[in-house]
């Protein structure tokens, strides 16, 4: 499997995720994506996400309440696909895809 950072997403106060408004987030929460792909097919084998905050040109791990908020927002958005999002002990979010 190949793993790499696929992209970065920036969520700001007032943004909508899964039909819900991101209210109460005083700072911007960003997210780094680490995708694992099956060699040859390019099929998604796994996806881990790191919620972070950018401050003074540095990325710092987002506090647990922000990570929980982002997990819940992503879970609502992915529910229609049958996927779940878990907060792992290492602070990363992990996508559990639904049955195909």
Protein backbone atom coordinates (compact mmCIF):
# COMPACT_ATOMS: atom_id res chain seq x y z
CA UNK A 1 0.00 0.00 0.00
CA UNK A 2 1.14 3.53 -0.71
CA UNK A 3 0.49 6.25 1.82
CA UNK A 4 0.79 9.99 1.31
CA UNK A 5 -0.70 13.32 2.16
CA UNK A 6 -3.43 13.87 -0.37
CA UNK A 7 -4.63 17.34 0.54
CA UNK A 8 -5.43 19.87 3.23
CA UNK A 9 -8.89 21.20 4.04
CA UNK A 10 -9.60 24.43 5.89
CA UNK A 11 -12.81 24.80 7.92
CA UNK A 12 -13.64 28.29 9.13
CA UNK A 13 -16.39 29.60 11.42
CA UNK A 14 -19.60 29.70 9.41
CA UNK A 15 -18.65 26.84 7.09
CA UNK A 16 -21.17 24.04 6.62
CA UNK A 17 -20.21 20.38 7.01
CA UNK A 18 -22.84 17.69 6.57
CA UNK A 19 -25.61 20.29 6.45
CA UNK A 20 -24.65 21.74 9.84
CA UNK A 21 -23.06 25.13 10.39
CA UNK A 22 -19.67 25.18 12.11
CA UNK A 23 -20.75 27.48 14.93
CA UNK A 24 -18.59 28.30 17.93
CA UNK A 25 -15.21 27.50 16.46
CA UNK A 26 -13.11 30.48 17.48
CA UNK A 27 -10.15 29.37 15.40
CA UNK A 28 -9.77 27.73 12.04
CA UNK A 29 -9.50 23.94 12.10
CA UNK A 30 -7.59 22.40 9.23
CA UNK A 31 -7.27 18.78 8.30
CA UNK A 32 -4.48 16.77 6.70
CA UNK A 33 -5.45 13.64 4.77
CA UNK A 34 -3.33 10.47 4.69
CA UNK A 35 -4.66 8.01 2.13
CA UNK A 36 -3.54 4.41 1.65
CA UNK A 37 -4.06 3.08 -1.87
CA UNK A 38 -3.95 -0.44 -3.26
CA UNK A 39 -1.04 -0.81 -5.71
CA UNK A 40 -2.07 -1.37 -9.29
CA UNK A 41 -5.72 -0.40 -8.86
CA UNK A 42 -5.44 2.85 -6.91
CA UNK A 43 -8.43 1.77 -4.81
CA UNK A 44 -8.72 3.48 -1.44
CA UNK A 45 -7.52 1.04 1.23
CA UNK A 46 -7.71 3.41 4.18
CA UNK A 47 -7.98 7.07 5.10
CA UNK A 48 -6.63 8.76 8.24
CA UNK A 49 -7.12 12.44 8.93
CA UNK A 50 -5.23 14.76 11.27
CA UNK A 51 -7.19 17.72 12.66
CA UNK A 52 -4.77 20.63 13.15
CA UNK A 53 -4.73 24.36 13.75
CA UNK A 54 -2.40 26.71 11.90
CA UNK A 55 -0.78 29.42 13.98
CA UNK A 56 2.31 31.48 13.19
CA UNK A 57 3.00 29.33 10.12
CA UNK A 58 3.03 26.14 12.19
CA UNK A 59 0.59 23.28 12.29
CA UNK A 60 -0.35 22.05 15.74
CA UNK A 61 -2.61 19.18 16.65
CA UNK A 62 -6.13 20.45 17.30
CA UNK A 63 -7.39 20.09 20.89
CA UNK A 64 -9.56 17.04 21.55
CA UNK A 65 -12.85 19.03 21.65
CA UNK A 66 -12.12 20.34 18.13
CA UNK A 67 -11.15 16.85 16.93
CA UNK A 68 -14.42 15.46 18.39
CA UNK A 69 -16.41 18.25 16.74
CA UNK A 70 -14.76 17.59 13.38
CA UNK A 71 -15.31 13.82 13.78
CA UNK A 72 -19.01 14.39 14.39
CA UNK A 73 -19.33 16.77 11.43
CA UNK A 74 -17.56 14.34 9.08
CA UNK A 75 -19.64 11.46 10.39
CA UNK A 76 -22.86 13.36 9.59
CA UNK A 77 -21.56 14.16 6.09
CA UNK A 78 -20.50 10.57 5.36
CA UNK A 79 -23.52 8.83 6.91
CA UNK A 80 -25.37 8.68 3.57
CA UNK A 81 -22.46 6.65 2.17
CA UNK A 82 -22.61 4.22 5.08
CA UNK A 83 -19.20 5.32 6.35
CA UNK A 84 -18.14 6.06 9.91
CA UNK A 85 -15.38 8.27 11.32
CA UNK A 86 -13.54 7.27 14.50
CA UNK A 87 -11.21 9.30 16.72
CA UNK A 88 -8.16 7.08 17.28
CA UNK A 89 -6.06 7.05 20.49
CA UNK A 90 -3.24 8.82 18.60
CA UNK A 91 -5.58 11.77 17.89
CA UNK A 92 -6.06 10.99 14.20
CA UNK A 93 -9.46 10.44 12.63
CA UNK A 94 -10.00 7.21 10.67
CA UNK A 95 -12.62 6.61 8.01
CA UNK A 96 -14.41 3.26 8.14
CA UNK A 97 -16.01 2.84 4.72
CA UNK A 98 -19.46 1.36 4.40
CA UNK A 99 -20.08 -2.00 2.78
CA UNK A 100 -19.83 -1.86 -1.01
